[in-house]
C-alpha cells in the first residue's frame, strides 16, 4: 500500500495535476497581448517603480550595494508568496464543479495554483541572474547549498498558508477580503522595499521584524545572492533564529491537518 503522503506521485494524480496546471496557466494569460511575458514583466516593472520612488526620491537604500538586484529579489519572493496564497484562497471553490463530479484528491486544487506560481518564479529567477551577471553582483559561493533549502522553506510557507485559506474560504467567504487587507499590511511589515537596517538604526526593536519567516527567507537569500550587507535573522538573534524556520514547519503540520479535516465536506459546501 502506498503511503498517503506519496499519493501525489501516483501516475493518475500526476496526470490530473499536470492538466490542471496547464489549464490554469493558459486561462491566466488568455486574451492578453503579451501573454506569458507578463510573468516576467510584472515583478520587473514593479521593482523599477519602487526603485525610482524609494531610492531616487526617498533615498532609503541605506547605501546597500547592488540595490536594484536587492530590491528585485525581494519583490520576486513577495510576488511568489502572494501568488500562491491569493490563488489558494479560491482554489477549492473555483474547482467546485470538478470536485462534485470527480473523486479527485482535494489537495490537487491548491497544488495546481502553486505549480503555476513555481513556473513564474523560475522564469523570474532567470531574469534576476541575468541582471546580476550584467551588474557584477558577487554571490557568496560558500553558502550556495543554502539556496535550495531557503527556496523550499519559501514554498512550504506559501503552500501551508494557501491550504489554510482555501479550506477556510469554503465556509467563510470573508476570508478573501481579510487576506487582501492583511497582505497590504504584511507587505510593509516585511523588509522588501526598505533595508531592515534602516528600521533598526532608528528603532532597535525593529529587529524583531526578522522573526517573520518571510523576512528571514528574503534576507538570507539577499545575503547569499546579492550582498553580505543584507542583515539576517541569524546575525540579530543567533541560535534563537531557529524560531522562524521552526514556525514554518509548525504551520505546515497545522495546515495539513486542518485541510484534511475540512476536505471531508468540500463537495457539500462548494
Protein backbone atom coordinates (compact mmCIF):
# COMPACT_ATOMS: atom_id res chain seq x y z
CA UNK A 1 0.00 0.00 0.00
CA UNK A 2 1.36 3.38 -0.99
CA UNK A 3 1.67 5.79 1.98
CA UNK A 4 -0.84 8.62 1.89
CA UNK A 5 1.78 11.35 1.56
CA UNK A 6 3.18 9.60 -1.53
CA UNK A 7 -0.11 9.53 -3.41
CA UNK A 8 0.82 12.74 -5.20
CA UNK A 9 3.45 10.72 -7.07
CA UNK A 10 0.91 8.26 -8.46
CA UNK A 11 0.52 8.30 -12.22
CA UNK A 12 -3.18 9.23 -12.16
CA UNK A 13 -2.79 12.14 -9.74
CA UNK A 14 0.25 13.40 -11.61
CA UNK A 15 -1.71 13.45 -14.87
CA UNK A 16 -4.61 15.30 -13.26
CA UNK A 17 -2.26 17.84 -11.67
CA UNK A 18 -0.42 18.41 -14.96
CA UNK A 19 -3.67 19.07 -16.81
CA UNK A 20 -4.93 21.43 -14.10
CA UNK A 21 -1.67 23.40 -14.16
CA UNK A 22 -1.74 23.64 -17.95
CA UNK A 23 -5.35 24.88 -17.90
CA UNK A 24 -4.74 27.45 -15.13
CA UNK A 25 -1.65 28.80 -16.87
CA UNK A 26 -3.48 29.21 -20.19
CA UNK A 27 -6.54 30.88 -18.64
CA UNK A 28 -4.41 33.35 -16.69
CA UNK A 29 -2.99 34.96 -19.82
CA UNK A 30 -5.92 34.35 -22.15
CA UNK A 31 -6.73 37.32 -24.44
CA UNK A 32 -3.72 39.30 -23.22
CA UNK A 33 -1.47 40.82 -25.88
CA UNK A 34 1.85 39.96 -24.22
CA UNK A 35 0.66 36.65 -22.79
CA UNK A 36 3.29 34.78 -20.79
CA UNK A 37 5.64 37.78 -20.94
CA UNK A 38 3.63 39.33 -18.10
CA UNK A 39 5.05 36.71 -15.73
CA UNK A 40 8.45 38.35 -16.34
CA UNK A 41 7.39 41.96 -16.80
CA UNK A 42 5.18 42.34 -13.72
CA UNK A 43 7.84 41.97 -10.98
CA UNK A 44 10.40 43.76 -13.15
CA UNK A 45 8.19 46.81 -13.75
CA UNK A 46 7.11 46.90 -10.10
CA UNK A 47 10.75 46.83 -8.99
CA UNK A 48 11.61 49.70 -11.34
CA UNK A 49 8.75 51.82 -9.96
CA UNK A 50 9.66 51.11 -6.34
CA UNK A 51 13.35 51.70 -7.05
CA UNK A 52 12.63 55.15 -8.51
CA UNK A 53 10.28 56.13 -5.68
CA UNK A 54 12.11 54.76 -2.66
CA UNK A 55 15.73 55.03 -3.79
CA UNK A 56 15.92 58.01 -6.12
CA UNK A 57 13.35 60.19 -4.36
CA UNK A 58 13.03 58.99 -0.75
CA UNK A 59 16.63 57.71 -0.60
CA UNK A 60 16.15 54.81 1.82
CA UNK A 61 18.52 52.33 0.18
CA UNK A 62 20.91 52.56 3.12
CA UNK A 63 23.93 52.65 0.81
CA UNK A 64 23.50 48.94 0.07
CA UNK A 65 25.43 47.83 -3.00
CA UNK A 66 23.51 46.44 -5.96
CA UNK A 67 20.26 47.72 -4.50
CA UNK A 68 18.41 47.13 -7.79
CA UNK A 69 19.06 43.37 -7.56
CA UNK A 70 18.45 43.53 -3.79
CA UNK A 71 15.02 45.06 -4.39
CA UNK A 72 14.11 42.81 -7.34
CA UNK A 73 14.86 39.66 -5.34
CA UNK A 74 12.60 40.84 -2.53
CA UNK A 75 9.79 41.69 -4.96
CA UNK A 76 10.14 38.30 -6.65
CA UNK A 77 9.87 36.40 -3.36
CA UNK A 78 6.89 38.51 -2.31
CA UNK A 79 5.15 38.03 -5.66
CA UNK A 80 5.69 34.27 -5.41
CA UNK A 81 4.28 34.21 -1.87
CA UNK A 82 1.31 36.39 -2.83
CA UNK A 83 0.57 34.42 -5.99
CA UNK A 84 0.38 31.10 -4.14
CA UNK A 85 -1.58 32.36 -1.12
CA UNK A 86 -4.02 34.58 -3.02
CA UNK A 87 -4.52 31.89 -5.64
CA UNK A 88 -5.04 29.37 -2.88
CA UNK A 89 -7.97 31.31 -1.40
CA UNK A 90 -10.36 30.33 -4.18
CA UNK A 91 -8.58 27.17 -5.31
CA UNK A 92 -11.14 24.72 -3.91
CA UNK A 93 -14.24 26.82 -4.60
CA UNK A 94 -13.04 27.57 -8.12
CA UNK A 95 -12.84 23.85 -8.83
CA UNK A 96 -16.22 23.16 -7.20
CA UNK A 97 -17.80 21.63 -10.30
CA UNK A 98 -14.84 19.31 -10.75
CA UNK A 99 -14.87 18.24 -7.09
CA UNK A 100 -18.59 17.41 -7.18
CA UNK A 101 -18.30 15.35 -10.37
CA UNK A 102 -14.98 13.56 -9.95
CA UNK A 103 -13.43 11.94 -6.89
CA UNK A 104 -10.03 13.65 -7.05
CA UNK A 105 -7.70 14.37 -4.13
CA UNK A 106 -8.75 17.80 -2.87
CA UNK A 107 -5.20 18.97 -2.31
CA UNK A 108 -4.55 18.90 -6.07
CA UNK A 109 -6.67 22.05 -6.46
CA UNK A 110 -4.23 24.01 -4.28
CA UNK A 111 -1.12 22.35 -5.70
CA UNK A 112 -2.13 23.30 -9.24
CA UNK A 113 -2.20 27.02 -8.40
CA UNK A 114 1.13 26.74 -6.62
CA UNK A 115 2.67 24.97 -9.61
CA UNK A 116 1.76 27.89 -11.87
CA UNK A 117 3.46 30.24 -9.41
CA UNK A 118 6.54 28.00 -9.41
CA UNK A 119 6.80 28.30 -13.19
CA UNK A 120 6.61 32.08 -12.99
CA UNK A 121 9.14 32.16 -10.16
CA UNK A 122 11.58 30.04 -12.16
CA UNK A 123 11.32 32.40 -15.13
CA UNK A 124 11.83 35.40 -12.84
CA UNK A 125 14.97 33.83 -11.37
CA UNK A 126 16.44 33.61 -14.87
CA UNK A 127 15.84 37.35 -15.35
CA UNK A 128 17.33 38.11 -11.92
CA UNK A 129 20.51 36.12 -12.58
CA UNK A 130 20.85 37.87 -15.92
CA UNK A 131 20.67 41.29 -14.24
CA UNK A 132 23.10 40.17 -11.54
CA UNK A 133 25.56 39.00 -14.17
CA UNK A 134 25.36 42.29 -16.06
CA UNK A 135 25.75 44.44 -12.93
CA UNK A 136 28.63 42.38 -11.49
CA UNK A 137 26.95 41.03 -8.38
CA UNK A 138 29.17 38.60 -6.46
CA UNK A 139 27.42 35.57 -4.98
CA UNK A 140 28.52 34.22 -1.59
CA UNK A 141 29.62 30.86 -3.03
CA UNK A 142 30.31 29.33 0.40
CA UNK A 143 26.56 29.41 1.14
CA UNK A 144 25.24 28.20 -2.23
CA UNK A 145 23.93 24.95 -0.73
CA UNK A 146 21.58 27.01 1.44
CA UNK A 147 19.70 28.41 -1.56
CA UNK A 148 17.62 25.27 -2.32
CA UNK A 149 16.73 24.96 1.38
CA UNK A 150 15.59 28.58 1.53
CA UNK A 151 13.51 28.18 -1.62
CA UNK A 152 11.89 25.05 -0.19
CA UNK A 153 11.15 26.98 3.01
CA UNK A 154 9.56 29.78 0.98
CA UNK A 155 7.42 27.32 -0.96
CA UNK A 156 6.42 25.43 2.20
CA UNK A 157 5.40 28.66 3.96
CA UNK A 158 3.34 29.85 0.98
CA UNK A 159 1.70 26.47 0.41
CA UNK A 160 0.82 25.98 4.09
CA UNK A 161 -0.98 29.31 4.20
CA UNK A 162 -2.68 28.53 0.86
CA UNK A 163 -4.07 25.26 2.26
CA UNK A 164 -5.48 27.03 5.31
CA UNK A 165 -7.01 29.85 3.27
CA UNK A 166 -8.53 27.53 0.66
CA UNK A 167 -10.23 25.38 3.30
CA UNK A 168 -11.44 28.37 5.33
CA UNK A 169 -12.83 30.12 2.23
CA UNK A 170 -15.20 27.23 1.56
CA UNK A 171 -17.11 28.11 4.74
CA UNK A 172 -16.25 31.77 5.23
CA UNK A 173 -16.24 33.90 2.06
CA UNK A 174 -14.96 36.88 4.06
CA UNK A 175 -11.53 35.23 4.02
CA UNK A 176 -10.65 36.72 0.63
CA UNK A 177 -11.29 40.30 1.85
CA UNK A 178 -9.48 39.74 5.13
CA UNK A 179 -6.45 38.27 3.36
CA UNK A 180 -6.36 41.14 0.88
CA UNK A 181 -6.15 43.66 3.72
CA UNK A 182 -3.66 41.55 5.65
CA UNK A 183 -1.27 41.26 2.69
CA UNK A 184 -1.21 45.03 2.31
CA UNK A 185 -0.11 45.35 5.93
CA UNK A 186 2.24 42.36 5.71
CA UNK A 187 4.00 43.85 2.68
CA UNK A 188 5.15 46.86 4.68
CA UNK A 189 5.99 44.82 7.78
CA UNK A 190 8.39 42.75 5.70
CA UNK A 191 11.69 44.41 4.65
CA UNK A 192 11.07 44.22 0.92
CA UNK A 193 11.34 47.80 -0.30
CA UNK A 194 13.49 49.07 2.56
CA UNK A 195 16.66 47.68 4.20
CA UNK A 196 15.95 46.28 7.66
CA UNK A 197 18.99 48.24 8.89
CA UNK A 198 17.09 51.44 8.02
CA UNK A 199 14.46 50.48 10.63
CA UNK A 200 16.82 49.04 13.25
CA UNK A 201 19.03 52.16 13.26
CA UNK A 202 16.03 54.27 14.28
CA UNK A 203 14.06 51.70 16.25
CA UNK A 204 16.18 48.84 17.71
CA UNK A 205 13.01 46.87 18.43
CA UNK A 206 12.54 46.73 14.67
CA UNK A 207 14.91 43.78 14.51
CA UNK A 208 12.01 41.59 15.65
CA UNK A 209 10.59 42.02 12.15
CA UNK A 210 13.24 39.50 11.12
CA UNK A 211 11.44 36.77 13.08
CA UNK A 212 8.78 36.94 10.39
CA UNK A 213 9.60 33.77 8.36
CA UNK A 214 9.19 35.57 5.03
CA UNK A 215 11.60 38.30 6.14
CA UNK A 216 14.08 35.65 7.30
CA UNK A 217 13.95 33.89 3.92
CA UNK A 218 14.28 37.08 1.86
CA UNK A 219 17.15 38.44 3.94
CA UNK A 220 19.04 35.14 3.84
CA UNK A 221 18.65 34.92 0.06
CA UNK A 222 19.80 38.51 -0.32
CA UNK A 223 22.84 37.81 1.86
CA UNK A 224 23.87 34.87 -0.33
CA UNK A 225 22.89 36.11 -3.77
CA UNK A 226 23.30 39.89 -3.67
CA UNK A 227 25.33 41.37 -0.82
CA UNK A 228 26.64 40.47 2.65
CA UNK A 229 25.35 43.90 3.72
CA UNK A 230 21.96 42.26 3.99
CA UNK A 231 21.27 41.82 7.70
CA UNK A 232 19.99 38.35 8.57
CA UNK A 233 17.98 36.98 11.46
CA UNK A 234 20.95 34.82 12.44
CA UNK A 235 23.10 37.90 12.94
CA UNK A 236 20.45 39.54 15.11
CA UNK A 237 19.26 36.61 17.22
CA UNK A 238 21.88 33.86 17.00
CA UNK A 239 20.52 30.41 17.82
CA UNK A 240 17.11 31.94 18.59
CA UNK A 241 16.79 32.47 14.85
CA UNK A 242 15.51 28.89 14.57
CA UNK A 243 12.15 30.31 15.66
CA UNK A 244 11.46 31.49 12.10
CA UNK A 245 12.04 28.19 10.21
CA UNK A 246 10.50 26.22 13.10
CA UNK A 247 7.32 28.27 12.78
CA UNK A 248 7.14 27.31 9.09
CA UNK A 249 7.34 23.64 10.00
CA UNK A 250 4.66 24.06 12.66
CA UNK A 251 2.43 25.90 10.19
CA UNK A 252 2.85 23.11 7.62
CA UNK A 253 1.72 20.46 10.11
CA UNK A 254 -1.29 22.53 11.21
CA UNK A 255 -2.31 23.34 7.62
CA UNK A 256 -2.25 19.69 6.53
CA UNK A 257 -4.39 18.61 9.47
CA UNK A 258 -6.86 21.47 9.03
CA UNK A 259 -7.20 20.95 5.27
CA UNK A 260 -7.63 17.18 5.68
CA UNK A 261 -10.41 17.63 8.26
CA UNK A 262 -12.26 20.29 6.28
CA UNK A 263 -11.93 18.50 2.92
CA UNK A 264 -14.49 15.90 4.02
CA UNK A 265 -17.29 18.44 3.49
CA UNK A 266 -15.92 20.32 0.46
CA UNK A 267 -18.29 18.69 -2.03
CA UNK A 268 -21.29 19.70 0.09
CA UNK A 269 -20.26 23.32 0.64
CA UNK A 270 -18.76 24.43 -2.68
